[in-house]
């Protein structure tokens, strides 16, 4: 069994919290960052560390800053448009098409009200 380093435990816990906040399963998250589910499970449990490349992918997929993952700083949260874009990227092509149509119809309805 691998020794768990405190820093890996902290980073892993932050990644898991952000992943769950984003509504992603480990399986879907692993697909989005290009790793296996065993790797995701291992770094979330703190048994392994993550590379800089993996950190960049994680931050992109979760729409969070590297500071929030590495140091727990939450002052740099993304704006609503960035968060919406990140969530849309995680959808399947079919889900994306449905969401896009709904968003455009809402925007059209709002513009008609003015």
Foldseek 3Di string as FASTA:
>chain_A
DADADPQLQQLLCLLVVLCVVLVHDLCLLCVQLVHHSVVNVCSNNRRDDDDPSSLVSSCQLSVHDSCCSRPVDDPDHDDPVSRVVSSLVSDDPVVNVVVVVVVVVVVVVVVVVD
